[in-house]
């Protein structure tokens, strides 16, 4: 075997492994140990990182072409399992899943901690702060001198923040905005490009849009929150005026509930989707702005999807391990 043959074989193996990792990352079901194995594989050889970057970039570009109208037809044979599909064609599976979940792949790439669908986790930090993470939540820890920074990449998190004797501020970055806390308990919810910050106890400052690295927020749009108040901001927009927070709704996920009151249909679907393993797809043409309300159990998210879908006379079809389609 020549050197060219060996190099070609190694490139082929790296590309094949990259596609397989892309599929597994997109599924949202990786454990923390598996995520560490992925990072070890990625960092083991430059060829591995390059192959994964190429695959990720390719499917991201595909995702940007024409949106949902160009999503390839998913297999409809009931007997075709995810294992059989991967075994038959890893590339085909990557095409089906990665196109639909490119944002999730980018989240996996950045995150230090990710809670699988259906789970919850409490994460104690070295300074005594405790973070409670909801199903499908992803965060990155970025502690620095004089700044205890946590990036909320998606999902729900409740932060029990302790005061640092050195005066280091605690900051959560989400959707191009920041929340600063000295001491207290706050809940932050990020769905799509909208972030909601509620103060359970203590005091918080919320600014947007602003870099997580900023020291002086003078000139930025910000609001101050006290206990039982909340604000909301969309990515790139200033935060709303403080309003009274419905704590039952804010902390519903801690009690195994999903509560909506006048939520846009698409936002409600996105919030429920974090509790299922498969990506949830909406048929083009569905009115995403219709407002929905209800109380659902996190233990049966598919039933919650069906209930919300019925508000528009839509049906829910699940292909286990592949996708859930609302049409």
Protein backbone atom coordinates (compact mmCIF):
# COMPACT_ATOMS: atom_id res chain seq x y z
CA UNK A 1 0.00 0.00 0.00
CA UNK A 2 1.42 3.38 -1.01
CA UNK A 3 1.53 6.51 1.15
CA UNK A 4 -1.24 7.98 -1.02
CA UNK A 5 -3.41 4.94 -0.35
CA UNK A 6 -2.80 5.24 3.40
CA UNK A 7 -3.61 8.98 3.38
CA UNK A 8 -6.75 8.35 1.34
CA UNK A 9 -7.85 5.63 3.75
CA UNK A 10 -7.26 7.86 6.77
CA UNK A 11 -9.22 10.73 5.20
CA UNK A 12 -12.07 8.37 4.37
CA UNK A 13 -12.14 7.05 7.94
CA UNK A 14 -12.10 10.60 9.36
CA UNK A 15 -14.98 11.64 7.07
CA UNK A 16 -16.99 8.55 7.97
CA UNK A 17 -16.41 9.10 11.69
CA UNK A 18 -17.32 12.78 11.32
CA UNK A 19 -20.67 11.90 9.71
CA UNK A 20 -21.41 9.38 12.45
CA UNK A 21 -20.62 11.95 15.16
CA UNK A 22 -22.80 14.48 13.36
CA UNK A 23 -25.72 12.07 13.51
CA UNK A 24 -25.19 11.30 17.19
CA UNK A 25 -24.74 14.95 18.16
CA UNK A 26 -27.90 15.89 16.26
CA UNK A 27 -29.94 13.28 18.11
CA UNK A 28 -29.61 15.21 21.39
CA UNK A 29 -29.16 11.97 23.33
CA UNK A 30 -25.41 11.95 24.00
CA UNK A 31 -24.35 11.47 27.61
CA UNK A 32 -21.63 13.56 29.17
CA UNK A 33 -19.17 10.68 28.77
CA UNK A 34 -20.00 10.35 25.07
CA UNK A 35 -19.54 14.08 24.60
CA UNK A 36 -16.08 13.79 26.12
CA UNK A 37 -15.29 10.89 23.73
CA UNK A 38 -16.38 13.08 20.82
CA UNK A 39 -14.11 15.91 21.95
CA UNK A 40 -11.22 13.46 22.40
CA UNK A 41 -11.76 12.10 18.87
CA UNK A 42 -12.02 15.61 17.42
CA UNK A 43 -8.81 16.79 19.12
CA UNK A 44 -6.82 13.59 18.54
CA UNK A 45 -5.79 14.41 14.98
CA UNK A 46 -6.04 17.59 12.87
CA UNK A 47 -7.67 15.48 10.13
CA UNK A 48 -10.54 14.62 12.46
CA UNK A 49 -11.29 18.24 13.31
CA UNK A 50 -11.01 19.26 9.65
CA UNK A 51 -13.36 16.47 8.55
CA UNK A 52 -15.96 17.38 11.17
CA UNK A 53 -15.73 21.09 10.27
CA UNK A 54 -16.30 20.24 6.60
CA UNK A 55 -19.34 18.08 7.35
CA UNK A 56 -20.82 20.64 9.72
CA UNK A 57 -20.24 23.51 7.27
CA UNK A 58 -21.74 21.52 4.40
CA UNK A 59 -24.99 20.71 6.20
CA UNK A 60 -25.22 24.22 7.60
CA UNK A 61 -24.99 25.60 4.07
CA UNK A 62 -27.63 23.13 2.92
CA UNK A 63 -29.86 24.30 5.72
CA UNK A 64 -29.59 27.89 4.49
CA UNK A 65 -30.65 27.21 0.90
CA UNK A 66 -34.42 27.39 0.91
CA UNK A 67 -35.53 26.47 4.40
CA UNK A 68 -38.11 23.86 5.23
CA UNK A 69 -39.48 23.63 1.68
CA UNK A 70 -36.33 21.82 0.60
CA UNK A 71 -36.15 19.33 3.46
CA UNK A 72 -35.60 15.87 1.93
CA UNK A 73 -38.37 13.28 2.25
CA UNK A 74 -37.83 11.21 5.37
CA UNK A 75 -38.24 7.43 5.22
CA UNK A 76 -41.84 6.32 5.82
CA UNK A 77 -41.42 2.57 6.20
CA UNK A 78 -42.58 1.78 9.76
CA UNK A 79 -40.20 -1.11 10.15
CA UNK A 80 -37.11 0.92 9.30
CA UNK A 81 -35.36 1.63 12.60
CA UNK A 82 -32.75 4.28 13.29
CA UNK A 83 -30.15 1.54 13.78
CA UNK A 84 -30.98 0.07 10.37
CA UNK A 85 -30.81 3.46 8.71
CA UNK A 86 -27.43 4.27 10.21
CA UNK A 87 -26.15 0.84 9.33
CA UNK A 88 -27.40 1.19 5.76
CA UNK A 89 -26.26 4.70 5.11
CA UNK A 90 -24.64 7.00 7.65
CA UNK A 91 -24.40 9.76 5.06
CA UNK A 92 -28.12 9.58 4.26
CA UNK A 93 -29.00 9.73 7.92
CA UNK A 94 -26.70 12.69 8.40
CA UNK A 95 -28.42 14.43 5.49
CA UNK A 96 -31.86 13.89 7.03
CA UNK A 97 -31.01 14.85 10.58
CA UNK A 98 -28.21 17.38 10.29
CA UNK A 99 -30.08 19.60 7.82
CA UNK A 100 -32.91 19.80 10.31
CA UNK A 101 -30.77 20.36 13.39
CA UNK A 102 -27.75 22.42 12.37
CA UNK A 103 -28.30 24.84 15.30
CA UNK A 104 -28.27 21.90 17.73
CA UNK A 105 -24.94 20.72 16.33
CA UNK A 106 -23.42 24.16 16.87
CA UNK A 107 -24.70 24.07 20.45
CA UNK A 108 -23.14 20.65 21.10
CA UNK A 109 -19.86 21.95 19.70
CA UNK A 110 -19.70 24.83 22.19
CA UNK A 111 -21.25 23.31 25.33
CA UNK A 112 -19.51 22.01 28.44
CA UNK A 113 -22.70 20.56 29.95
CA UNK A 114 -25.81 19.33 28.16
CA UNK A 115 -28.85 17.71 29.76
CA UNK A 116 -30.41 14.97 27.58
CA UNK A 117 -34.09 15.11 26.66
CA UNK A 118 -36.29 14.21 29.60
CA UNK A 119 -33.63 14.81 32.25
CA UNK A 120 -32.69 17.46 34.79
CA UNK A 121 -29.38 18.11 36.52
CA UNK A 122 -27.97 20.19 39.35
CA UNK A 123 -24.47 21.50 38.80
CA UNK A 124 -22.49 22.89 41.77
CA UNK A 125 -19.71 25.31 40.84
CA UNK A 126 -16.48 25.85 42.78
CA UNK A 127 -17.62 29.23 44.17
CA UNK A 128 -20.72 27.70 45.79
CA UNK A 129 -23.15 28.71 43.05
CA UNK A 130 -25.55 25.94 42.05
CA UNK A 131 -27.14 25.73 38.60
CA UNK A 132 -30.28 23.65 38.02
CA UNK A 133 -30.54 22.62 34.37
CA UNK A 134 -33.73 21.58 32.61
CA UNK A 135 -34.19 19.01 29.85
CA UNK A 136 -32.35 19.93 26.66
CA UNK A 137 -30.40 22.73 28.33
CA UNK A 138 -26.82 23.47 27.31
CA UNK A 139 -24.30 25.74 29.03
CA UNK A 140 -20.65 26.69 28.79
CA UNK A 141 -18.63 27.66 31.89
CA UNK A 142 -16.19 30.51 31.26
CA UNK A 143 -14.90 31.65 34.68
CA UNK A 144 -12.21 34.32 34.55
CA UNK A 145 -10.42 36.61 37.01
CA UNK A 146 -13.02 39.09 38.28
CA UNK A 147 -15.80 37.57 36.14
CA UNK A 148 -17.75 34.39 36.78
CA UNK A 149 -19.25 33.93 33.31
CA UNK A 150 -21.71 31.24 32.21
CA UNK A 151 -23.07 31.03 28.67
CA UNK A 152 -26.64 29.71 28.42
CA UNK A 153 -26.71 28.24 24.92
CA UNK A 154 -30.29 27.00 25.08
CA UNK A 155 -32.98 25.87 27.50
CA UNK A 156 -33.94 26.63 31.11
CA UNK A 157 -31.57 27.21 34.00
CA UNK A 158 -32.06 28.35 37.59
CA UNK A 159 -29.02 29.97 39.20
CA UNK A 160 -28.50 30.04 42.97
CA UNK A 161 -25.70 32.61 43.09
CA UNK A 162 -23.45 33.14 46.11
CA UNK A 163 -21.60 36.38 46.74
CA UNK A 164 -17.88 36.22 45.95
CA UNK A 165 -15.74 37.73 48.74
CA UNK A 166 -13.35 39.07 46.11
CA UNK A 167 -16.15 41.04 44.46
CA UNK A 168 -16.15 39.01 41.24
CA UNK A 169 -19.47 39.49 39.50
CA UNK A 170 -21.60 36.56 38.32
CA UNK A 171 -22.85 36.88 34.76
CA UNK A 172 -25.04 34.79 32.46
CA UNK A 173 -24.73 35.45 28.72
CA UNK A 174 -27.66 34.45 26.48
CA UNK A 175 -28.95 35.58 23.08
CA UNK A 176 -26.52 38.51 22.77
CA UNK A 177 -27.49 39.81 26.19
CA UNK A 178 -26.17 39.53 29.77
CA UNK A 179 -27.61 39.15 33.25
CA UNK A 180 -25.45 40.26 36.19
CA UNK A 181 -26.14 39.05 39.75
CA UNK A 182 -24.26 39.66 43.00
CA UNK A 183 -26.24 37.21 45.10
CA UNK A 184 -29.65 35.60 44.81
CA UNK A 185 -31.71 33.21 42.73
CA UNK A 186 -32.65 33.83 39.10
CA UNK A 187 -34.32 31.79 36.38
CA UNK A 188 -33.43 32.22 32.72
CA UNK A 189 -35.37 30.68 29.84
CA UNK A 190 -34.14 30.79 26.24
CA UNK A 191 -36.43 29.62 23.46
CA UNK A 192 -35.51 30.32 19.83
CA UNK A 193 -34.03 33.84 19.92
CA UNK A 194 -35.99 35.12 22.93
CA UNK A 195 -34.65 35.11 26.49
CA UNK A 196 -36.73 35.61 29.64
CA UNK A 197 -35.04 36.52 32.92
CA UNK A 198 -36.94 36.29 36.22
CA UNK A 199 -35.64 37.08 39.72
CA UNK A 200 -36.78 34.72 42.44
CA UNK A 201 -34.73 36.45 45.16
CA UNK A 202 -32.09 39.14 45.19
CA UNK A 203 -31.41 41.59 42.41
CA UNK A 204 -30.27 41.41 38.77
CA UNK A 205 -29.22 43.72 35.97
CA UNK A 206 -30.17 42.70 32.42
CA UNK A 207 -28.60 44.34 29.37
CA UNK A 208 -29.04 43.68 25.63
CA UNK A 209 -27.56 43.76 23.09
CA UNK A 210 -24.15 43.66 24.71
CA UNK A 211 -21.03 41.50 24.58
CA UNK A 212 -20.48 39.06 27.47
CA UNK A 213 -16.97 40.54 27.84
CA UNK A 214 -18.09 44.11 28.47
CA UNK A 215 -16.97 45.70 31.73
CA UNK A 216 -18.91 48.97 31.68
CA UNK A 217 -22.46 48.76 30.32
CA UNK A 218 -22.81 52.55 30.11
CA UNK A 219 -24.46 53.29 26.80
CA UNK A 220 -26.14 49.88 26.65
CA UNK A 221 -29.87 49.33 27.09
CA UNK A 222 -30.48 47.70 30.48
CA UNK A 223 -33.11 47.17 33.17
CA UNK A 224 -32.87 46.46 36.88
CA UNK A 225 -34.91 43.58 38.32
CA UNK A 226 -35.84 42.88 41.90
CA UNK A 227 -37.52 39.82 43.42
CA UNK A 228 -40.68 38.62 41.60
CA UNK A 229 -39.91 40.70 38.51
CA UNK A 230 -38.98 39.60 35.01
CA UNK A 231 -37.99 40.95 31.62
CA UNK A 232 -37.72 39.53 28.11
CA UNK A 233 -35.52 40.39 25.16
CA UNK A 234 -35.06 39.10 21.63
CA UNK A 235 -31.57 38.65 20.22
CA UNK A 236 -30.18 42.03 19.24
CA UNK A 237 -33.01 43.94 20.94
CA UNK A 238 -33.27 45.92 24.18
CA UNK A 239 -34.94 44.26 27.18
CA UNK A 240 -38.60 44.98 27.95
CA UNK A 241 -39.60 47.05 30.95
CA UNK A 242 -39.70 45.00 34.17
CA UNK A 243 -43.02 43.28 34.86
CA UNK A 244 -44.42 41.08 37.61
CA UNK A 245 -43.27 37.48 37.22
CA UNK A 246 -45.68 34.57 37.56
CA UNK A 247 -43.42 32.33 39.63
CA UNK A 248 -45.60 29.27 39.13
CA UNK A 249 -45.08 29.60 35.39
CA UNK A 250 -41.40 30.57 35.64
CA UNK A 251 -40.51 27.55 37.79
CA UNK A 252 -43.06 25.11 36.34
CA UNK A 253 -40.35 22.88 34.89
CA UNK A 254 -38.99 22.27 38.39
CA UNK A 255 -42.38 20.69 39.19
CA UNK A 256 -42.53 18.61 36.00
CA UNK A 257 -44.93 20.97 34.22
CA UNK A 258 -45.02 23.03 31.04
CA UNK A 259 -47.30 26.07 31.33
CA UNK A 260 -48.23 28.36 28.44
CA UNK A 261 -50.36 31.45 28.54
CA UNK A 262 -50.79 33.18 25.21
CA UNK A 263 -47.57 31.80 23.71
CA UNK A 264 -47.10 31.87 19.92
CA UNK A 265 -47.67 28.39 18.46
CA UNK A 266 -44.09 27.99 17.17
CA UNK A 267 -42.61 29.10 20.50
CA UNK A 268 -44.79 26.62 22.39
CA UNK A 269 -43.69 23.81 20.08
CA UNK A 270 -40.03 24.77 20.52
CA UNK A 271 -40.39 24.69 24.30
CA UNK A 272 -42.02 21.25 24.31
CA UNK A 273 -39.48 19.96 21.78
CA UNK A 274 -36.67 20.09 24.33
CA UNK A 275 -38.31 17.18 26.17
CA UNK A 276 -38.19 14.76 23.21
CA UNK A 277 -35.20 13.09 21.58
CA UNK A 278 -36.16 13.74 17.96
CA UNK A 279 -36.16 17.10 16.16
CA UNK A 280 -39.69 18.49 15.79
CA UNK A 281 -40.58 19.76 12.31
CA UNK A 282 -43.42 22.08 11.33
CA UNK A 283 -44.96 21.76 7.87
CA UNK A 284 -44.47 24.93 5.79
CA UNK A 285 -47.55 27.12 5.78
CA UNK A 286 -48.53 26.55 9.42
CA UNK A 287 -49.49 29.77 11.21
CA UNK A 288 -46.70 30.06 13.75
CA UNK A 289 -48.13 33.12 15.49
CA UNK A 290 -51.42 31.65 16.75
CA UNK A 291 -51.45 31.98 20.53
CA UNK A 292 -51.90 28.88 22.69
CA UNK A 293 -52.37 28.26 26.41
CA UNK A 294 -52.35 25.16 28.56
CA UNK A 295 -50.73 23.10 31.31
CA UNK A 296 -48.89 19.91 30.32
CA UNK A 297 -46.74 17.27 31.99
CA UNK A 298 -43.08 17.01 31.05
CA UNK A 299 -43.38 13.23 31.46
CA UNK A 300 -45.44 12.95 28.25
CA UNK A 301 -44.17 15.61 25.84
CA UNK A 302 -45.55 13.87 22.74
CA UNK A 303 -49.06 14.13 24.20
CA UNK A 304 -48.34 17.82 24.84
CA UNK A 305 -47.31 18.25 21.20
CA UNK A 306 -50.54 16.59 20.07
CA UNK A 307 -52.63 18.84 22.32
CA UNK A 308 -50.97 21.99 21.01
CA UNK A 309 -51.18 20.74 17.40
CA UNK A 310 -54.93 20.21 17.77
CA UNK A 311 -55.37 23.95 18.32
CA UNK A 312 -54.77 24.25 14.56
CA UNK A 313 -56.37 20.92 13.58
CA UNK A 314 -52.92 19.50 12.90
CA UNK A 315 -51.65 15.96 13.38
CA UNK A 316 -48.41 14.70 14.92
CA UNK A 317 -46.45 11.87 13.34
CA UNK A 318 -43.45 10.38 15.10
CA UNK A 319 -40.67 8.36 13.47
CA UNK A 320 -38.85 7.08 16.57
CA UNK A 321 -35.23 8.17 16.68
CA UNK A 322 -35.57 10.27 13.51
CA UNK A 323 -38.11 13.10 13.70
CA UNK A 324 -41.55 14.25 14.84
CA UNK A 325 -43.55 15.95 12.11
CA UNK A 326 -46.48 18.30 12.68
CA UNK A 327 -48.67 18.74 9.61
